[in-house]
Protein backbone atom coordinates (compact mmCIF):
# COMPACT_ATOMS: atom_id res chain seq x y z
CA UNK A 1 -7.63 -27.13 -34.83
CA UNK A 2 -7.13 -27.59 -31.11
CA UNK A 3 -3.92 -25.52 -31.22
CA UNK A 4 -5.69 -22.81 -33.22
CA UNK A 5 -8.61 -22.80 -30.77
CA UNK A 6 -6.15 -22.54 -27.92
CA UNK A 7 -4.49 -19.53 -29.59
CA UNK A 8 -7.87 -17.87 -30.09
CA UNK A 9 -8.68 -18.51 -26.44
CA UNK A 10 -5.27 -17.24 -25.35
CA UNK A 11 -5.57 -14.07 -27.43
CA UNK A 12 -9.09 -13.39 -26.13
CA UNK A 13 -7.98 -14.14 -22.57
CA UNK A 14 -5.01 -11.78 -22.81
CA UNK A 15 -7.25 -9.10 -24.29
CA UNK A 16 -9.71 -9.46 -21.39
CA UNK A 17 -6.82 -9.35 -18.92
CA UNK A 18 -5.71 -6.10 -20.54
CA UNK A 19 -9.21 -4.69 -20.16
CA UNK A 20 -9.72 -5.71 -16.55
CA UNK A 21 -6.17 -4.80 -15.55
CA UNK A 22 -6.63 -1.47 -17.30
CA UNK A 23 -9.75 -0.75 -15.29
CA UNK A 24 -8.04 -1.91 -12.11
CA UNK A 25 -4.92 0.17 -12.69
CA UNK A 26 -7.03 3.22 -13.53
CA UNK A 27 -8.98 2.78 -10.31
CA UNK A 28 -5.79 2.25 -8.29
CA UNK A 29 -4.05 5.29 -9.76
CA UNK A 30 -7.09 7.48 -9.21
CA UNK A 31 -7.49 6.50 -5.54
CA UNK A 32 -3.74 6.53 -4.86
CA UNK A 33 -3.13 10.01 -6.24
CA UNK A 34 -6.36 11.34 -4.79
CA UNK A 35 -5.15 10.31 -1.35
CA UNK A 36 -1.59 11.48 -2.07
CA UNK A 37 -2.80 15.07 -2.28
CA UNK A 38 -4.52 14.83 1.10
CA UNK A 39 -1.13 14.64 2.88
CA UNK A 40 0.36 17.49 5.01
CA UNK A 41 2.61 18.63 2.16
CA UNK A 42 -0.48 19.82 0.26
CA UNK A 43 -2.27 21.26 3.30
CA UNK A 44 -1.95 24.90 2.23
CA UNK A 45 -2.81 24.09 -1.40
CA UNK A 46 -6.02 22.53 -0.12
CA UNK A 47 -6.72 25.69 1.89
CA UNK A 48 -6.97 27.48 -1.45
CA UNK A 49 -8.51 24.74 -3.57
CA UNK A 50 -10.20 22.25 -1.29
CA UNK A 51 -10.79 18.79 -2.76
CA UNK A 52 -10.67 20.18 -6.29
CA UNK A 53 -6.90 19.72 -6.01
CA UNK A 54 -7.22 15.94 -5.68
CA UNK A 55 -9.94 15.83 -8.31
CA UNK A 56 -7.53 17.47 -10.76
CA UNK A 57 -4.41 15.47 -9.93
CA UNK A 58 -5.97 11.99 -9.75
CA UNK A 59 -7.28 11.95 -13.36
CA UNK A 60 -3.97 13.49 -14.48
CA UNK A 61 -2.18 10.38 -13.23
CA UNK A 62 -4.71 8.18 -15.04
CA UNK A 63 -4.17 10.22 -18.20
CA UNK A 64 -0.44 9.44 -18.05
CA UNK A 65 -1.19 5.74 -17.85
CA UNK A 66 -3.76 5.72 -20.67
CA UNK A 67 -1.66 7.91 -22.94
CA UNK A 68 1.10 5.35 -22.46
CA UNK A 69 -1.25 2.66 -23.84
CA UNK A 70 -3.04 4.52 -26.64
CA UNK A 71 -0.24 4.23 -29.20
CA UNK A 72 0.52 0.54 -28.68
CA UNK A 73 -2.53 -0.96 -30.49
CA UNK A 74 -1.76 1.07 -33.64
CA UNK A 75 1.81 -0.25 -33.88
CA UNK A 76 0.58 -2.92 -36.26
CA UNK A 77 4.03 -4.12 -37.35
CA UNK A 78 5.11 -4.54 -33.73
CA UNK A 79 1.94 -6.50 -32.92
CA UNK A 80 2.38 -8.59 -36.04
CA UNK A 81 5.94 -9.42 -34.96
CA UNK A 82 4.85 -10.32 -31.42
CA UNK A 83 2.04 -12.56 -32.66
CA UNK A 84 4.38 -14.11 -35.19
CA UNK A 85 6.64 -15.25 -32.33
CA UNK A 86 3.71 -17.35 -31.07
CA UNK A 87 2.18 -18.51 -34.33
CA UNK A 88 4.21 -18.20 -37.56
CA UNK A 89 2.74 -16.29 -40.49
CA UNK A 90 -0.06 -14.84 -38.46
CA UNK A 91 -0.43 -11.10 -38.65
CA UNK A 92 -2.24 -8.47 -36.69
CA UNK A 93 -5.89 -9.15 -36.00
CA UNK A 94 -7.66 -5.84 -36.36
CA UNK A 95 -10.59 -6.38 -34.01
CA UNK A 96 -9.16 -6.60 -30.47
CA UNK A 97 -6.43 -4.05 -31.15
CA UNK A 98 -8.80 -1.36 -32.40
CA UNK A 99 -11.34 -2.18 -29.68
CA UNK A 100 -8.65 -1.78 -27.04
CA UNK A 101 -7.52 1.48 -28.71
CA UNK A 102 -11.10 2.80 -28.53
CA UNK A 103 -11.54 1.81 -24.88
CA UNK A 104 -8.31 3.57 -23.93
CA UNK A 105 -9.47 6.62 -25.90
CA UNK A 106 -12.72 6.64 -23.94
CA UNK A 107 -10.74 6.59 -20.69
CA UNK A 108 -8.58 9.48 -21.91
CA UNK A 109 -11.70 11.48 -22.80
CA UNK A 110 -13.29 10.76 -19.42
CA UNK A 111 -10.23 11.65 -17.34
CA UNK A 112 -9.59 14.74 -19.45
CA UNK A 113 -13.13 15.95 -18.77
CA UNK A 114 -12.74 15.41 -15.01
CA UNK A 115 -9.31 17.08 -15.07
CA UNK A 116 -10.64 20.14 -16.93
CA UNK A 117 -13.71 20.58 -14.73
CA UNK A 118 -11.58 20.31 -11.57
CA UNK A 119 -9.13 22.92 -12.89
CA UNK A 120 -11.98 25.28 -13.73
CA UNK A 121 -12.92 25.14 -10.07
CA UNK A 122 -9.24 25.60 -9.16
CA UNK A 123 -8.98 28.76 -11.27
CA UNK A 124 -12.10 30.07 -9.59
CA UNK A 125 -10.69 29.36 -6.12
CA UNK A 126 -7.30 30.87 -7.03
CA UNK A 127 -9.01 34.00 -8.33
CA UNK A 128 -11.27 34.36 -5.27
CA UNK A 129 -8.25 34.10 -2.98
CA UNK A 130 -6.48 36.83 -4.96
CA UNK A 131 -9.47 39.18 -5.17
CA UNK A 132 -10.54 38.94 -1.54
CA UNK A 133 -7.68 41.10 -0.29
CA UNK A 134 -8.17 40.64 3.43
CA UNK A 135 -4.99 40.12 5.43
CA UNK A 136 -6.94 38.38 8.17
CA UNK A 137 -7.78 35.53 5.79
CA UNK A 138 -5.34 32.68 5.31
CA UNK A 139 -6.12 32.19 1.57
CA UNK A 140 -5.13 35.81 0.83
CA UNK A 141 -1.94 35.52 2.90
CA UNK A 142 -1.01 32.34 1.02
CA UNK A 143 -1.73 34.08 -2.29
CA UNK A 144 0.66 36.92 -1.38
CA UNK A 145 3.57 34.58 -0.72
CA UNK A 146 6.07 34.89 -3.53
CA UNK A 147 5.15 38.45 -4.49
CA UNK A 148 8.74 39.53 -4.10
CA UNK A 149 10.33 36.16 -4.74
CA UNK A 150 8.17 34.48 -7.34
CA UNK A 151 10.09 31.20 -7.11
CA UNK A 152 8.14 30.23 -4.00
CA UNK A 153 4.61 31.26 -4.89
CA UNK A 154 1.59 29.08 -4.13
CA UNK A 155 -1.13 30.92 -6.06
CA UNK A 156 -0.15 31.08 -9.77
CA UNK A 157 -2.58 33.94 -10.39
CA UNK A 158 -0.53 37.02 -9.56
CA UNK A 159 -3.10 39.52 -10.88
CA UNK A 160 -6.88 39.72 -11.11
CA UNK A 161 -7.06 38.21 -14.63
CA UNK A 162 -7.19 34.44 -15.12
CA UNK A 163 -6.53 34.83 -18.84
CA UNK A 164 -2.91 35.59 -17.98
CA UNK A 165 -2.53 32.06 -16.63
CA UNK A 166 -4.63 30.53 -19.41
CA UNK A 167 -2.76 32.01 -22.35
CA UNK A 168 0.64 33.23 -21.13
CA UNK A 169 1.90 30.13 -19.33
CA UNK A 170 3.12 26.83 -20.72
CA UNK A 171 0.52 24.95 -18.70
CA UNK A 172 -2.30 27.16 -19.97
CA UNK A 173 -1.30 27.15 -23.63
CA UNK A 174 -0.56 23.42 -23.76
CA UNK A 175 -3.78 22.69 -21.86
CA UNK A 176 -5.83 24.59 -24.44
CA UNK A 177 -3.94 22.93 -27.33
CA UNK A 178 -4.37 19.44 -25.85
CA UNK A 179 -8.09 19.98 -25.26
CA UNK A 180 -8.77 21.32 -28.76
CA UNK A 181 -6.75 18.51 -30.37
CA UNK A 182 -8.58 15.87 -28.33
CA UNK A 183 -12.01 17.32 -29.13
CA UNK A 184 -11.23 17.30 -32.87
CA UNK A 185 -9.82 13.77 -32.73
CA UNK A 186 -12.82 12.38 -30.84
CA UNK A 187 -15.53 14.12 -32.88
CA UNK A 188 -13.94 13.11 -36.19
CA UNK A 189 -13.72 9.49 -35.03
CA UNK A 190 -17.47 8.99 -34.88
CA UNK A 191 -18.88 6.29 -37.14
CA UNK A 192 -20.69 8.76 -39.43
CA UNK A 193 -17.66 10.94 -40.12
CA UNK A 194 -15.20 8.05 -40.32
CA UNK A 195 -17.25 6.25 -42.98
CA UNK A 196 -18.54 9.27 -44.92
CA UNK A 197 -15.52 11.59 -44.66
CA UNK A 198 -12.55 9.33 -44.10
CA UNK A 199 -10.05 12.03 -45.04
CA UNK A 200 -11.37 14.25 -42.23
CA UNK A 201 -10.96 11.37 -39.79
CA UNK A 202 -7.47 10.56 -41.14
CA UNK A 203 -6.01 14.06 -41.02
CA UNK A 204 -7.53 15.14 -37.69
CA UNK A 205 -6.32 11.92 -36.10
CA UNK A 206 -2.77 13.09 -36.76
CA UNK A 207 -3.36 15.90 -34.29
CA UNK A 208 -2.17 13.30 -31.81
CA UNK A 209 1.31 14.71 -32.50
CA UNK A 210 0.23 18.08 -31.06
CA UNK A 211 -1.56 16.26 -28.25
CA UNK A 212 1.53 14.35 -27.15
CA UNK A 213 3.89 17.32 -27.49
CA UNK A 214 1.54 19.42 -25.36
CA UNK A 215 1.13 16.57 -22.90
CA UNK A 216 4.88 16.24 -22.35
CA UNK A 217 5.38 19.97 -21.74
CA UNK A 218 2.13 20.58 -19.84
CA UNK A 219 3.64 20.25 -16.38
CA UNK A 220 7.05 21.81 -17.00
CA UNK A 221 6.24 25.10 -15.16
CA UNK A 222 5.10 23.23 -12.02
CA UNK A 223 2.15 25.56 -11.42
CA UNK A 224 0.43 23.22 -8.95
CA UNK A 225 2.61 23.52 -5.87
CA UNK A 226 2.93 22.09 -2.40
CA UNK A 227 5.12 22.73 0.61
CA UNK A 228 8.74 21.66 0.19
CA UNK A 229 9.89 18.65 2.18
CA UNK A 230 12.66 20.68 3.84
CA UNK A 231 10.21 23.36 4.90
CA UNK A 232 7.86 20.75 6.36
CA UNK A 233 10.54 19.87 8.92
CA UNK A 234 10.44 23.39 10.42
CA UNK A 235 6.87 24.39 9.52
CA UNK A 236 4.06 22.06 10.58
CA UNK A 237 1.08 23.29 8.54
CA UNK A 238 -1.62 21.93 10.82
CA UNK A 239 -0.20 23.87 13.81
CA UNK A 240 1.23 26.90 12.05
CA UNK A 241 -1.89 27.57 9.99
CA UNK A 242 -3.58 28.84 13.17
CA UNK A 243 -0.83 31.46 13.66
CA UNK A 244 -0.32 32.67 10.11
CA UNK A 245 -0.20 36.31 11.29
CA UNK A 246 3.12 35.61 13.03
CA UNK A 247 4.86 33.75 10.21
CA UNK A 248 8.49 34.80 9.90
CA UNK A 249 8.47 37.16 12.86
CA UNK A 250 11.07 37.09 15.62
CA UNK A 251 10.13 34.65 18.33
CA UNK A 252 7.74 32.74 16.09
CA UNK A 253 8.14 28.99 15.77
CA UNK A 254 6.67 29.09 12.26
CA UNK A 255 8.82 30.47 9.43
CA UNK A 256 7.08 31.47 6.21
CA UNK A 257 6.23 28.32 4.23
CA UNK A 258 8.14 27.55 1.05
CA UNK A 259 6.44 25.99 -1.95
CA UNK A 260 7.58 24.08 -5.01
CA UNK A 261 5.94 21.94 -7.68
CA UNK A 262 6.58 18.30 -8.48
CA UNK A 263 8.99 17.61 -11.33
CA UNK A 264 7.24 16.74 -14.62
CA UNK A 265 6.51 13.03 -14.82
CA UNK A 266 4.42 12.60 -17.98
CA UNK A 267 7.40 12.14 -20.28
CA UNK A 268 8.47 9.09 -18.27
CA UNK A 269 5.13 7.43 -19.05
CA UNK A 270 4.97 8.16 -22.77
CA UNK A 271 8.58 8.19 -23.97
CA UNK A 272 8.64 4.39 -24.41
CA UNK A 273 5.46 4.12 -26.52
CA UNK A 274 6.46 7.23 -28.47
CA UNK A 275 9.79 5.59 -29.31
CA UNK A 276 8.04 2.38 -30.40
CA UNK A 277 5.64 4.38 -32.56
CA UNK A 278 8.52 6.25 -34.19
CA UNK A 279 10.10 2.85 -34.96
CA UNK A 280 6.75 1.73 -36.36
CA UNK A 281 6.64 4.73 -38.68
CA UNK A 282 10.22 4.07 -39.78
CA UNK A 283 9.27 0.48 -40.68
CA UNK A 284 6.30 1.78 -42.66
CA UNK A 285 8.53 4.33 -44.36
CA UNK A 286 10.98 1.58 -45.34
CA UNK A 287 8.18 -0.60 -46.68
CA UNK A 288 6.67 2.29 -48.60
CA UNK A 289 9.91 2.59 -50.56
CA UNK A 290 10.00 -1.09 -51.56
CA UNK A 291 9.13 -1.43 -55.22
CA UNK A 292 5.58 -2.52 -56.05
CA UNK A 293 4.69 -3.31 -59.66
CA UNK A 294 1.10 -3.08 -60.87
CA UNK A 295 0.85 -5.96 -63.33
CA UNK A 296 -2.79 -5.54 -64.28
CA UNK A 297 -5.69 -3.15 -63.75
CA UNK A 298 -9.23 -4.48 -64.15
CA UNK A 299 -12.26 -2.20 -64.19
CA UNK A 300 -15.18 -4.25 -62.88
CA UNK A 301 -18.83 -3.22 -63.13
CA UNK A 302 -20.40 -1.10 -60.37
CA UNK A 303 -17.22 1.02 -60.19
CA UNK A 304 -14.97 -1.56 -58.59
CA UNK A 305 -11.26 -1.34 -59.34
CA UNK A 306 -9.05 -4.45 -59.19
CA UNK A 307 -5.30 -3.96 -58.82
CA UNK A 308 -3.04 -6.96 -59.45
CA UNK A 309 0.44 -6.33 -58.04
CA UNK A 310 3.82 -7.92 -57.38
CA UNK A 311 6.35 -7.16 -54.68
CA UNK A 312 9.64 -8.92 -53.95
CA UNK A 313 9.42 -11.18 -50.90
CA UNK A 314 5.67 -10.67 -50.47
CA UNK A 315 3.92 -13.62 -48.80
CA UNK A 316 0.27 -13.76 -47.84
CA UNK A 317 -2.39 -16.02 -46.38
CA UNK A 318 -6.09 -16.18 -47.17
CA UNK A 319 -8.18 -13.30 -45.89
CA UNK A 320 -5.27 -11.00 -45.05
CA UNK A 321 -5.26 -7.29 -45.75
CA UNK A 322 -2.72 -4.63 -46.69
CA UNK A 323 -2.50 -0.86 -46.36
CA UNK A 324 -2.20 0.90 -49.71
CA UNK A 325 -0.74 4.33 -50.36
CA UNK A 326 -0.71 6.14 -53.68
CA UNK A 327 1.78 9.05 -53.44
CA UNK A 328 0.34 10.79 -56.50
CA UNK A 329 -3.02 10.93 -54.69
CA UNK A 330 -1.80 11.56 -51.14
CA UNK A 331 1.54 11.00 -49.44
CA UNK A 332 -0.08 10.80 -46.01
CA UNK A 333 -3.07 8.53 -46.48
CA UNK A 334 -2.86 4.75 -46.07
CA UNK A 335 -6.08 2.79 -46.60
CA UNK A 336 -6.71 -0.87 -45.65
CA UNK A 337 -7.94 -3.29 -48.32
CA UNK A 338 -8.53 -7.01 -48.10
CA UNK A 339 -6.48 -9.16 -50.45
CA UNK A 340 -8.69 -11.01 -52.93
CA UNK A 341 -5.97 -13.19 -54.45
CA UNK A 342 -5.00 -16.64 -53.25
CA UNK A 343 -1.57 -17.48 -51.78
CA UNK A 344 -1.04 -19.91 -54.66
CA UNK A 345 -1.21 -17.15 -57.29
CA UNK A 346 1.91 -15.42 -58.60
CA UNK A 347 0.53 -11.97 -57.72
CA UNK A 348 -1.57 -10.34 -55.02
CA UNK A 349 -4.67 -8.30 -55.71
CA UNK A 350 -7.19 -6.00 -54.05
CA UNK A 351 -10.67 -4.97 -55.14
CA UNK A 352 -11.36 -1.32 -54.38
CA UNK A 353 -14.87 0.07 -54.44
CA UNK A 354 -15.01 3.72 -55.53
CA UNK A 355 -16.84 5.44 -52.66
CA UNK A 356 -14.77 8.48 -51.63
CA UNK A 357 -12.35 11.17 -52.71
CA UNK A 358 -9.24 9.01 -52.30
CA UNK A 359 -10.64 5.99 -54.14
CA UNK A 360 -12.04 8.30 -56.84
CA UNK A 361 -8.59 9.85 -57.34
CA UNK A 362 -6.98 6.38 -57.47
CA UNK A 363 -9.61 5.25 -59.97
CA UNK A 364 -8.76 8.22 -62.21
CA UNK A 365 -5.00 7.74 -61.80
CA UNK A 366 -5.35 4.10 -62.92
CA UNK A 367 -7.31 5.14 -66.01
CA UNK A 368 -10.71 4.07 -64.79
CA UNK A 369 -12.32 6.98 -66.62
CA UNK A 370 -10.51 6.18 -69.89
CA UNK A 371 -12.00 3.89 -72.55
CA UNK A 372 -8.67 2.26 -73.41
CA UNK A 373 -6.40 0.30 -71.08
CA UNK A 374 -3.50 2.25 -69.59
CA UNK A 375 0.11 1.43 -70.40
CA UNK A 376 2.14 0.03 -67.51
CA UNK A 377 4.51 3.00 -67.41
CA UNK A 378 1.59 5.44 -67.01
CA UNK A 379 0.18 3.70 -63.93
CA UNK A 380 0.74 5.44 -60.59
CA UNK A 381 3.29 4.35 -58.01
CA UNK A 382 1.83 2.23 -55.20
CA UNK A 383 3.22 1.57 -51.73
CA UNK A 384 2.20 -1.46 -49.66
CA UNK A 385 2.38 -2.09 -45.92
CA UNK A 386 1.54 -5.61 -44.84
CA UNK A 387 0.11 -8.13 -45.14
CA UNK A 388 -1.65 -8.34 -41.81
CA UNK A 389 -3.73 -11.26 -40.61
CA UNK A 390 -7.41 -11.55 -39.85
CA UNK A 391 -9.75 -14.16 -38.46
CA UNK A 392 -10.32 -15.65 -41.95
CA UNK A 393 -6.86 -17.24 -41.90
CA UNK A 394 -8.17 -20.00 -39.66
CA UNK A 395 -11.00 -21.07 -41.97
CA UNK A 396 -9.10 -24.14 -43.23
CA UNK A 397 -8.68 -25.35 -39.67
CA UNK A 398 -12.39 -26.20 -39.31
CA UNK A 399 -13.99 -29.27 -40.82
CA UNK A 400 -17.17 -27.29 -41.57
CA UNK A 401 -17.10 -23.58 -42.39
CA UNK A 402 -19.81 -20.94 -42.71
CA UNK A 403 -18.74 -17.84 -44.67
CA UNK A 404 -21.05 -14.83 -44.48
CA UNK A 405 -20.28 -11.74 -46.53
CA UNK A 406 -22.34 -8.56 -46.84
CA UNK A 407 -21.80 -6.42 -49.94
CA UNK A 408 -18.13 -5.60 -50.48
CA UNK A 409 -17.50 -7.62 -47.31
CA UNK A 410 -17.24 -10.67 -49.56
CA UNK A 411 -13.64 -9.75 -50.48
CA UNK A 412 -11.87 -11.83 -47.78
CA UNK A 413 -13.77 -14.89 -48.94
CA UNK A 414 -12.72 -14.34 -52.54
CA UNK A 415 -9.19 -15.15 -51.45
CA UNK A 416 -10.35 -18.17 -49.47
CA UNK A 417 -12.53 -19.60 -52.26
CA UNK A 418 -9.72 -19.12 -54.79
CA UNK A 419 -7.36 -20.96 -52.45
CA UNK A 420 -9.89 -23.79 -52.19
CA UNK A 421 -9.93 -24.01 -55.99
CA UNK A 422 -6.13 -24.22 -56.16
CA UNK A 423 -5.78 -26.73 -53.33
CA UNK A 424 -8.56 -29.17 -54.13
CA UNK A 425 -9.01 -28.88 -57.89
CA UNK A 426 -5.79 -27.75 -59.50
CA UNK A 427 -3.25 -29.26 -57.07
CA UNK A 428 -5.48 -32.14 -55.89
CA UNK A 429 -4.55 -31.50 -52.26
CA UNK A 430 -6.68 -32.85 -49.48
CA UNK A 431 -7.76 -30.24 -46.96
CA UNK A 432 -9.07 -30.58 -43.44
CA UNK A 433 -12.14 -28.59 -44.46
CA UNK A 434 -14.80 -30.92 -45.87
CA UNK A 435 -17.74 -28.55 -46.33
CA UNK A 436 -18.15 -24.82 -46.95
CA UNK A 437 -21.44 -22.95 -46.63
CA UNK A 438 -21.19 -19.59 -48.34
CA UNK A 439 -23.74 -16.80 -47.84
CA UNK A 440 -23.59 -13.50 -49.67
CA UNK A 441 -26.03 -10.69 -48.90
CA UNK A 442 -26.22 -7.74 -51.29
CA UNK A 443 -28.58 -4.76 -51.40
CA UNK A 444 -28.28 -4.24 -55.18
CA UNK A 445 -27.69 -6.37 -58.27
CA UNK A 446 -24.61 -4.41 -59.42
CA UNK A 447 -22.64 -5.62 -56.42
CA UNK A 448 -22.81 -9.21 -57.73
CA UNK A 449 -21.12 -8.48 -61.01
CA UNK A 450 -17.41 -8.47 -60.19
CA UNK A 451 -17.58 -11.59 -57.99
CA UNK A 452 -19.88 -13.67 -60.20
CA UNK A 453 -17.04 -14.71 -62.55
CA UNK A 454 -15.19 -16.41 -59.68
CA UNK A 455 -18.32 -18.23 -58.51
CA UNK A 456 -19.11 -19.38 -62.05
CA UNK A 457 -15.59 -20.79 -62.41
CA UNK A 458 -15.83 -22.57 -59.07
CA UNK A 459 -19.27 -23.95 -59.89
CA UNK A 460 -18.08 -25.32 -63.23
CA UNK A 461 -14.87 -26.83 -61.87
CA UNK A 462 -16.63 -28.39 -58.86
CA UNK A 463 -19.20 -30.05 -61.11
CA UNK A 464 -16.50 -31.39 -63.43
CA UNK A 465 -14.63 -32.89 -60.47
CA UNK A 466 -17.82 -34.31 -58.89
CA UNK A 467 -17.27 -32.05 -55.89
CA UNK A 468 -20.51 -30.07 -56.05
CA UNK A 469 -21.30 -31.04 -52.45
CA UNK A 470 -18.11 -29.42 -51.16
CA UNK A 471 -19.33 -25.85 -51.65
CA UNK A 472 -22.89 -24.83 -50.90
CA UNK A 473 -23.57 -21.19 -51.69
CA UNK A 474 -26.61 -19.02 -51.13
CA UNK A 475 -26.81 -15.53 -52.60
CA UNK A 476 -29.43 -13.13 -51.26
CA UNK A 477 -30.64 -9.92 -52.85
CA UNK A 478 -31.93 -7.87 -49.93
CA UNK A 479 -33.39 -4.98 -51.99
CA UNK A 480 -34.69 -4.73 -55.54
CA UNK A 481 -36.69 -2.44 -57.82
CA UNK A 482 -40.09 -3.21 -59.35
CA UNK A 483 -38.76 -3.43 -62.91
CA UNK A 484 -36.00 -5.77 -61.73
CA UNK A 485 -38.57 -7.99 -60.00
CA UNK A 486 -40.56 -8.28 -63.23
CA UNK A 487 -37.41 -9.26 -65.14
CA UNK A 488 -36.57 -11.88 -62.50
CA UNK A 489 -40.03 -13.44 -62.75
CA UNK A 490 -39.81 -13.74 -66.54
CA UNK A 491 -36.40 -15.45 -66.41
CA UNK A 492 -36.95 -17.46 -63.24
CA UNK A 493 -37.37 -20.72 -65.17
CA UNK A 494 -34.12 -20.20 -67.10
CA UNK A 495 -31.32 -22.69 -66.51
CA UNK A 496 -28.97 -20.04 -65.14
CA UNK A 497 -29.81 -17.29 -62.70
CA UNK A 498 -30.62 -13.98 -64.49
CA UNK A 499 -28.50 -11.97 -62.02
CA UNK A 500 -25.35 -14.01 -61.41
CA UNK A 501 -25.38 -16.48 -64.31
CA UNK A 502 -25.05 -19.33 -61.80
CA UNK A 503 -27.10 -22.49 -61.77
CA UNK A 504 -27.89 -21.77 -58.12
CA UNK A 505 -30.73 -19.26 -58.15
CA UNK A 506 -30.54 -15.98 -56.23
CA UNK A 507 -32.76 -15.79 -53.16
CA UNK A 508 -34.68 -12.65 -52.23
CA UNK A 509 -34.90 -11.12 -48.80
CA UNK A 510 -32.75 -12.07 -45.83
CA UNK A 511 -31.74 -15.52 -44.58
CA UNK A 512 -33.61 -17.20 -41.77
CA UNK A 513 -30.49 -17.75 -39.69
CA UNK A 514 -32.24 -19.92 -37.14
CA UNK A 515 -33.23 -22.39 -39.84
CA UNK A 516 -29.78 -22.28 -41.45
CA UNK A 517 -27.96 -23.00 -38.18
CA UNK A 518 -30.43 -25.75 -37.26
CA UNK A 519 -29.94 -27.46 -40.63
CA UNK A 520 -26.15 -27.28 -40.44
CA UNK A 521 -26.12 -28.56 -36.86
CA UNK A 522 -28.29 -31.54 -37.87
CA UNK A 523 -26.11 -32.29 -40.91
CA UNK A 524 -22.80 -32.20 -39.03
CA UNK A 525 -23.06 -33.71 -35.55
CA UNK A 526 -19.97 -33.90 -33.34
CA UNK A 527 -18.32 -31.14 -35.35
CA UNK A 528 -16.83 -27.71 -34.71
CA UNK A 529 -18.23 -25.25 -37.22
CA UNK A 530 -16.25 -22.08 -37.91
CA UNK A 531 -18.51 -19.09 -38.62
CA UNK A 532 -16.74 -16.24 -40.40
CA UNK A 533 -18.34 -12.87 -41.06
CA UNK A 534 -17.25 -9.78 -42.90
CA UNK A 535 -20.14 -7.39 -42.52
CA UNK A 536 -21.89 -4.79 -40.37
CA UNK A 537 -22.05 -4.99 -36.56
CA UNK A 538 -25.81 -5.66 -36.56
CA UNK A 539 -25.32 -8.83 -38.60
CA UNK A 540 -22.38 -9.76 -36.38
CA UNK A 541 -24.55 -9.58 -33.26
CA UNK A 542 -27.23 -11.72 -34.90
CA UNK A 543 -24.75 -14.43 -35.93
CA UNK A 544 -22.98 -14.40 -32.57
CA UNK A 545 -26.35 -14.94 -30.88
CA UNK A 546 -27.13 -17.85 -33.22
CA UNK A 547 -23.72 -19.40 -32.50
CA UNK A 548 -24.40 -19.30 -28.77
CA UNK A 549 -27.96 -20.62 -29.01
CA UNK A 550 -27.11 -23.52 -31.37
CA UNK A 551 -23.92 -24.65 -29.65
CA UNK A 552 -24.61 -27.92 -27.87
CA UNK A 553 -22.67 -30.88 -26.56
CA UNK A 554 -22.24 -32.55 -29.98
CA UNK A 555 -21.81 -29.45 -32.19
CA UNK A 556 -20.08 -26.16 -31.56
CA UNK A 557 -20.35 -22.98 -33.60
CA UNK A 558 -17.28 -20.76 -33.21
CA UNK A 559 -17.85 -17.16 -34.30
CA UNK A 560 -15.13 -15.04 -35.94
CA UNK A 561 -15.72 -11.37 -36.78
CA UNK A 562 -13.91 -9.46 -39.49
CA UNK A 563 -13.76 -5.66 -39.10
CA UNK A 564 -14.01 -3.39 -42.13
């Protein structure tokens, strides 16, 4: 337990270091590159653009850094390998990786907005310098440089139409493509769209390919230019700018300035992560072609599909998840599902709730709409990537455990409770965990149906082995209809619960978490209690608050959040 707690602390500490270092590096890059464009080399560029030059280039440098990071958290096989080198058989924990991915995405959105706004000002300044055709003004003289020899121009706008730069140059076209791709990616990543229209989120997210291609080629034309280093040796801009009428004339100490852009640098920042991501996709491609056999398909009530599968060399731990692809439904979409089987079983399984187009198509392909059971050879081909680890793997490392599931969020705990059954009842193994408190919150009675069989088996076996005190479970129905309430009242005195069939009666409403935590703390002094949740963020915040408020010198509540 101490080693596990240390690993949790280490992982959280490293994650926080990433966050704070990320903020620090962003701040450093912004200030450094802002100041870098205030040097004499960029004197004449600032004559045209003012401080908008620095405001455009500084966020561009930060974009390079953040675009280098954005792909790393989604290389789940790489992260699983790196974590496995510290703790064997531990996969990729979804929470911190996705949180870090989102934070980096926010930074990319912010710096992109600043970069775009600054360049809008730059286009305006470039255009004004070109339109105000007055040879007594330095901006116009600078804009005319390169008219005959375009290799040394300073003002990229050679005519009076900015659209020529926007849509006929590499920088303009890639800039528009990058911006449109980023807008679509960000808007489709909102919580509402991601949960209600996952396919929209999935497909638009792959616009990152266009984003990165455009990003690499965005600076290839070197439109933003400064004075060449060789020219600076013979042309001091601070002195020569006052005598621009005499540039290049006989007897003048100031030759005409020469300008050139910086070589493109973005590719140096992103080529490494892009290579790692390509390797990641190759690993996924290899795994997708490993044979997976569907051994059994179970159609549970409330439109829940259970797939029992086998795959050579597949090893799992409790609470882990896999990504599932069904090529006959979509060759591009991979969806994460928690494994509901136990490591001791000879197969692995996932329960899939039918809530969208992809799951509906999978349900149909597996014969969910057919009255008779499908033959094995008619079942669709399935590809599996994983398994990957989650916080639930550490449940057996606490002496006392609280498991809280909301709706379909109970699936990780199905694996854990099955494993408990195998370890303590069938194999008579002693486990470090001495007490499990299980809470299941559901908004409707249909959600109980597929999981009730497992709880009934556990209840029966625990009673037969005189281990009824090992597992304490509380099931809450958070919403119900009037006719259901009347039925519950009539059958309330029955030996078994009218909803679940369990001897433990279903409770109505929501738990009083303060009372629950107080009772557990009083029952288990001098103990570390692991609190595991698979549920919505609101419930997560409430439980995290309870863990903090009830942690004292003699009892500690350690909160673990599952993301789904």
